[in-house]
Protein backbone atom coordinates (compact mmCIF):
# COMPACT_ATOMS: atom_id res chain seq x y z
CA UNK A 1 -26.77 -212.20 57.86
CA UNK A 2 -25.05 -216.21 57.00
CA UNK A 3 -25.87 -219.36 59.01
CA UNK A 4 -21.97 -218.58 60.98
CA UNK A 5 -23.32 -215.40 62.21
CA UNK A 6 -26.53 -217.02 63.46
CA UNK A 7 -24.61 -219.67 65.32
CA UNK A 8 -22.27 -217.30 67.14
CA UNK A 9 -24.96 -214.90 68.18
CA UNK A 10 -27.08 -218.12 69.73
CA UNK A 11 -23.69 -219.16 71.27
CA UNK A 12 -23.39 -215.68 73.15
CA UNK A 13 -27.05 -215.96 74.55
CA UNK A 14 -25.89 -219.07 76.20
CA UNK A 15 -22.88 -217.44 77.84
CA UNK A 16 -24.93 -214.79 78.55
CA UNK A 17 -23.73 -212.19 76.36
CA UNK A 18 -26.04 -210.23 73.75
CA UNK A 19 -24.87 -210.58 70.40
CA UNK A 20 -26.02 -207.78 67.95
CA UNK A 21 -25.70 -207.68 64.13
CA UNK A 22 -25.48 -204.16 62.06
CA UNK A 23 -24.92 -204.64 58.37
CA UNK A 24 -22.21 -201.96 58.25
CA UNK A 25 -20.17 -199.23 60.36
CA UNK A 26 -22.92 -196.44 59.81
CA UNK A 27 -25.81 -199.18 61.03
CA UNK A 28 -23.31 -200.05 64.03
CA UNK A 29 -22.61 -196.39 65.38
CA UNK A 30 -26.30 -195.79 65.26
CA UNK A 31 -27.07 -198.74 67.08
CA UNK A 32 -24.18 -197.76 70.05
CA UNK A 33 -25.80 -194.28 69.96
CA UNK A 34 -29.19 -195.83 70.74
CA UNK A 35 -28.01 -198.36 73.36
CA UNK A 36 -26.36 -195.51 75.23
CA UNK A 37 -28.45 -192.94 77.54
CA UNK A 38 -27.01 -189.29 76.59
CA UNK A 39 -26.76 -188.47 80.62
CA UNK A 40 -24.18 -191.71 80.63
CA UNK A 41 -20.00 -191.34 81.20
CA UNK A 42 -17.87 -193.08 78.36
CA UNK A 43 -14.95 -194.76 78.71
CA UNK A 44 -13.17 -196.32 75.79
CA UNK A 45 -10.13 -198.62 74.38
CA UNK A 46 -7.77 -197.31 71.37
CA UNK A 47 -9.17 -199.38 68.62
CA UNK A 48 -8.87 -198.63 64.69
CA UNK A 49 -12.49 -199.81 64.15
CA UNK A 50 -13.65 -197.47 66.78
CA UNK A 51 -12.02 -194.91 64.72
CA UNK A 52 -13.26 -196.05 61.51
CA UNK A 53 -17.17 -195.91 63.29
CA UNK A 54 -16.51 -192.38 64.36
CA UNK A 55 -18.24 -193.03 67.52
CA UNK A 56 -16.27 -191.60 70.11
CA UNK A 57 -16.22 -187.84 68.34
CA UNK A 58 -20.44 -188.47 67.96
CA UNK A 59 -21.09 -189.20 71.80
CA UNK A 60 -18.83 -186.32 72.94
CA UNK A 61 -20.88 -184.16 70.23
CA UNK A 62 -23.85 -185.47 71.56
CA UNK A 63 -22.99 -184.05 75.25
CA UNK A 64 -21.57 -187.68 77.08
CA UNK A 65 -19.07 -187.60 79.17
CA UNK A 66 -16.39 -188.99 77.41
CA UNK A 67 -13.02 -189.81 78.87
CA UNK A 68 -10.49 -189.44 76.10
CA UNK A 69 -7.25 -190.28 76.55
CA UNK A 70 -6.66 -189.24 73.30
CA UNK A 71 -7.38 -185.27 74.13
CA UNK A 72 -4.28 -183.51 72.00
CA UNK A 73 -1.90 -181.57 74.35
CA UNK A 74 -2.09 -183.47 77.59
CA UNK A 75 0.68 -185.26 79.19
CA UNK A 76 1.31 -189.02 79.63
CA UNK A 77 0.76 -188.84 83.24
CA UNK A 78 -2.76 -186.99 82.23
CA UNK A 79 -3.24 -190.00 79.64
CA UNK A 80 -2.86 -192.52 81.93
CA UNK A 81 -5.11 -191.02 84.58
CA UNK A 82 -8.00 -190.74 81.96
CA UNK A 83 -7.30 -194.77 80.96
CA UNK A 84 -7.60 -195.45 84.76
CA UNK A 85 -11.21 -193.28 85.00
CA UNK A 86 -12.29 -194.44 82.03
CA UNK A 87 -12.58 -197.71 83.14
CA UNK A 88 -14.89 -196.82 85.85
CA UNK A 89 -17.23 -194.91 83.85
CA UNK A 90 -21.07 -196.08 83.30
CA UNK A 91 -20.29 -197.38 79.80
CA UNK A 92 -16.73 -199.24 78.39
CA UNK A 93 -16.59 -199.71 74.61
CA UNK A 94 -13.74 -201.20 72.91
CA UNK A 95 -12.78 -203.93 69.56
CA UNK A 96 -11.22 -207.55 70.25
CA UNK A 97 -8.71 -208.70 68.51
CA UNK A 98 -10.36 -211.92 67.35
CA UNK A 99 -13.68 -213.74 68.26
CA UNK A 100 -13.74 -217.45 67.81
CA UNK A 101 -16.90 -218.78 66.22
CA UNK A 102 -17.52 -220.96 69.33
CA UNK A 103 -17.87 -217.57 71.01
CA UNK A 104 -14.94 -216.54 73.03
CA UNK A 105 -13.69 -212.92 72.63
CA UNK A 106 -9.96 -212.23 72.79
CA UNK A 107 -8.63 -209.02 73.75
CA UNK A 108 -4.12 -208.15 74.05
CA UNK A 109 -3.46 -205.17 76.27
CA UNK A 110 0.04 -203.36 77.04
CA UNK A 111 -1.65 -200.73 79.89
CA UNK A 112 -4.35 -203.03 81.46
CA UNK A 113 -7.02 -200.37 81.13
CA UNK A 114 -8.70 -202.03 78.47
CA UNK A 115 -8.85 -205.47 80.13
CA UNK A 116 -10.06 -203.58 83.27
CA UNK A 117 -12.89 -201.67 81.44
CA UNK A 118 -14.16 -204.27 79.66
CA UNK A 119 -14.09 -207.36 82.54
CA UNK A 120 -15.27 -205.01 84.95
CA UNK A 121 -17.13 -201.99 84.04
CA UNK A 122 -21.07 -201.55 84.88
CA UNK A 123 -21.79 -201.72 81.02
CA UNK A 124 -19.38 -202.61 78.24
CA UNK A 125 -20.22 -202.46 73.91
CA UNK A 126 -18.00 -204.35 72.02
CA UNK A 127 -17.87 -203.63 68.49
CA UNK A 128 -16.46 -205.98 65.64
CA UNK A 129 -15.82 -206.67 61.48
CA UNK A 130 -16.79 -210.05 60.67
CA UNK A 131 -13.25 -210.04 59.82
CA UNK A 132 -12.41 -210.78 63.28
CA UNK A 133 -14.26 -213.71 63.41
CA UNK A 134 -11.71 -217.18 63.76
CA UNK A 135 -12.38 -220.99 63.74
CA UNK A 136 -11.74 -221.87 67.41
CA UNK A 137 -9.74 -219.89 70.12
CA UNK A 138 -6.53 -220.82 69.55
CA UNK A 139 -6.53 -219.23 66.47
CA UNK A 140 -8.79 -216.37 67.88
CA UNK A 141 -5.22 -216.47 69.82
CA UNK A 142 -2.92 -216.67 67.17
CA UNK A 143 -4.82 -214.16 65.15
CA UNK A 144 -4.28 -211.78 67.79
CA UNK A 145 -1.11 -212.48 68.34
CA UNK A 146 0.39 -213.17 64.98
CA UNK A 147 -1.73 -210.65 62.91
CA UNK A 148 -3.82 -207.87 65.00
CA UNK A 149 -0.79 -206.98 67.11
CA UNK A 150 2.38 -206.35 64.46
CA UNK A 151 -0.41 -204.36 62.57
CA UNK A 152 -0.91 -202.19 65.88
CA UNK A 153 2.30 -202.05 66.73
CA UNK A 154 3.26 -199.98 62.94
CA UNK A 155 0.71 -198.05 63.58
CA UNK A 156 1.96 -196.77 66.72
CA UNK A 157 5.42 -197.19 66.03
CA UNK A 158 6.17 -199.20 68.75
CA UNK A 159 10.21 -200.81 68.94
CA UNK A 160 9.04 -204.54 68.91
CA UNK A 161 10.58 -206.91 66.84
CA UNK A 162 7.20 -207.07 64.94
CA UNK A 163 7.21 -203.70 64.25
CA UNK A 164 10.41 -204.30 62.06
CA UNK A 165 9.39 -207.19 59.92
CA UNK A 166 5.35 -208.08 60.89
CA UNK A 167 6.45 -211.15 62.70
CA UNK A 168 5.71 -211.99 66.36
CA UNK A 169 8.65 -212.98 67.86
CA UNK A 170 7.36 -213.80 71.53
CA UNK A 171 10.38 -215.56 72.72
CA UNK A 172 12.63 -212.10 72.41
CA UNK A 173 10.06 -209.57 72.36
CA UNK A 174 10.95 -208.65 76.15
CA UNK A 175 11.99 -205.41 77.97
CA UNK A 176 14.22 -203.41 78.41
CA UNK A 177 15.78 -204.25 74.61
CA UNK A 178 12.01 -204.16 72.90
CA UNK A 179 8.51 -201.87 74.13
CA UNK A 180 6.29 -204.97 74.46
CA UNK A 181 2.68 -204.55 73.56
CA UNK A 182 1.65 -207.90 74.58
CA UNK A 183 1.69 -207.54 77.93
CA UNK A 184 -1.76 -208.94 79.12
CA UNK A 185 -4.44 -211.47 77.43
CA UNK A 186 -8.17 -211.19 78.23
CA UNK A 187 -10.29 -214.15 76.83
CA UNK A 188 -14.10 -213.79 77.80
CA UNK A 189 -16.02 -216.89 77.85
CA UNK A 190 -19.32 -216.00 78.94
CA UNK A 191 -20.45 -213.00 81.29
CA UNK A 192 -22.34 -213.49 84.86
CA UNK A 193 -24.40 -210.36 85.06
CA UNK A 194 -26.94 -210.38 82.84
CA UNK A 195 -27.43 -207.42 79.95
CA UNK A 196 -23.69 -206.03 81.15
CA UNK A 197 -22.08 -206.89 78.08
CA UNK A 198 -23.12 -206.35 74.27
CA UNK A 199 -21.28 -207.47 71.21
CA UNK A 200 -22.20 -205.57 67.90
CA UNK A 201 -20.88 -207.69 64.86
CA UNK A 202 -20.95 -205.33 61.81
CA UNK A 203 -21.30 -207.04 58.35
CA UNK A 204 -18.14 -205.57 56.93
CA UNK A 205 -14.01 -205.43 57.94
CA UNK A 206 -13.53 -203.30 60.12
CA UNK A 207 -10.20 -202.69 62.22
CA UNK A 208 -7.46 -205.02 62.35
């Protein structure tokens, strides 16, 4: 574990956030299973990182009650209902768009369930590859808007200017012409409740 990660975990400690380090995604998935009781309910936000870990499937197969908005065959209304229920689960999981070396966590959201769950759920576990670490908050916000979001729009085939050319056009990305993804922004600077928020850093590149 390099000095940059040690400093980041120390910074989180001062911000009342517990930072953990895992060498790879397999180790990270095991750590998440270890942290979450089998009796706990789980909500989560959609994430390439979470998909790469396979943690939602693991928790479901283990017997946890998982509010999965991506269950095949459900209606749009049911999808949104499950998203809302997930924010009230015992544990909420997700991945940030960026992390600053100074400790801030940056999340962009379209529907708001991601922000609601992360900021207000009883227990939260955030997981991220080291590729999401940036120098400071400004560069974290820039990464989230100009790098991660265009890739997510392309992955999900959203009608946005960045879907067309991979470049953020914040000034024209507005309704009704476009289906904007960057609707809400959450920056976590610190956590008031001890042991509520845990961040697992993974020593490899994961997600966008």
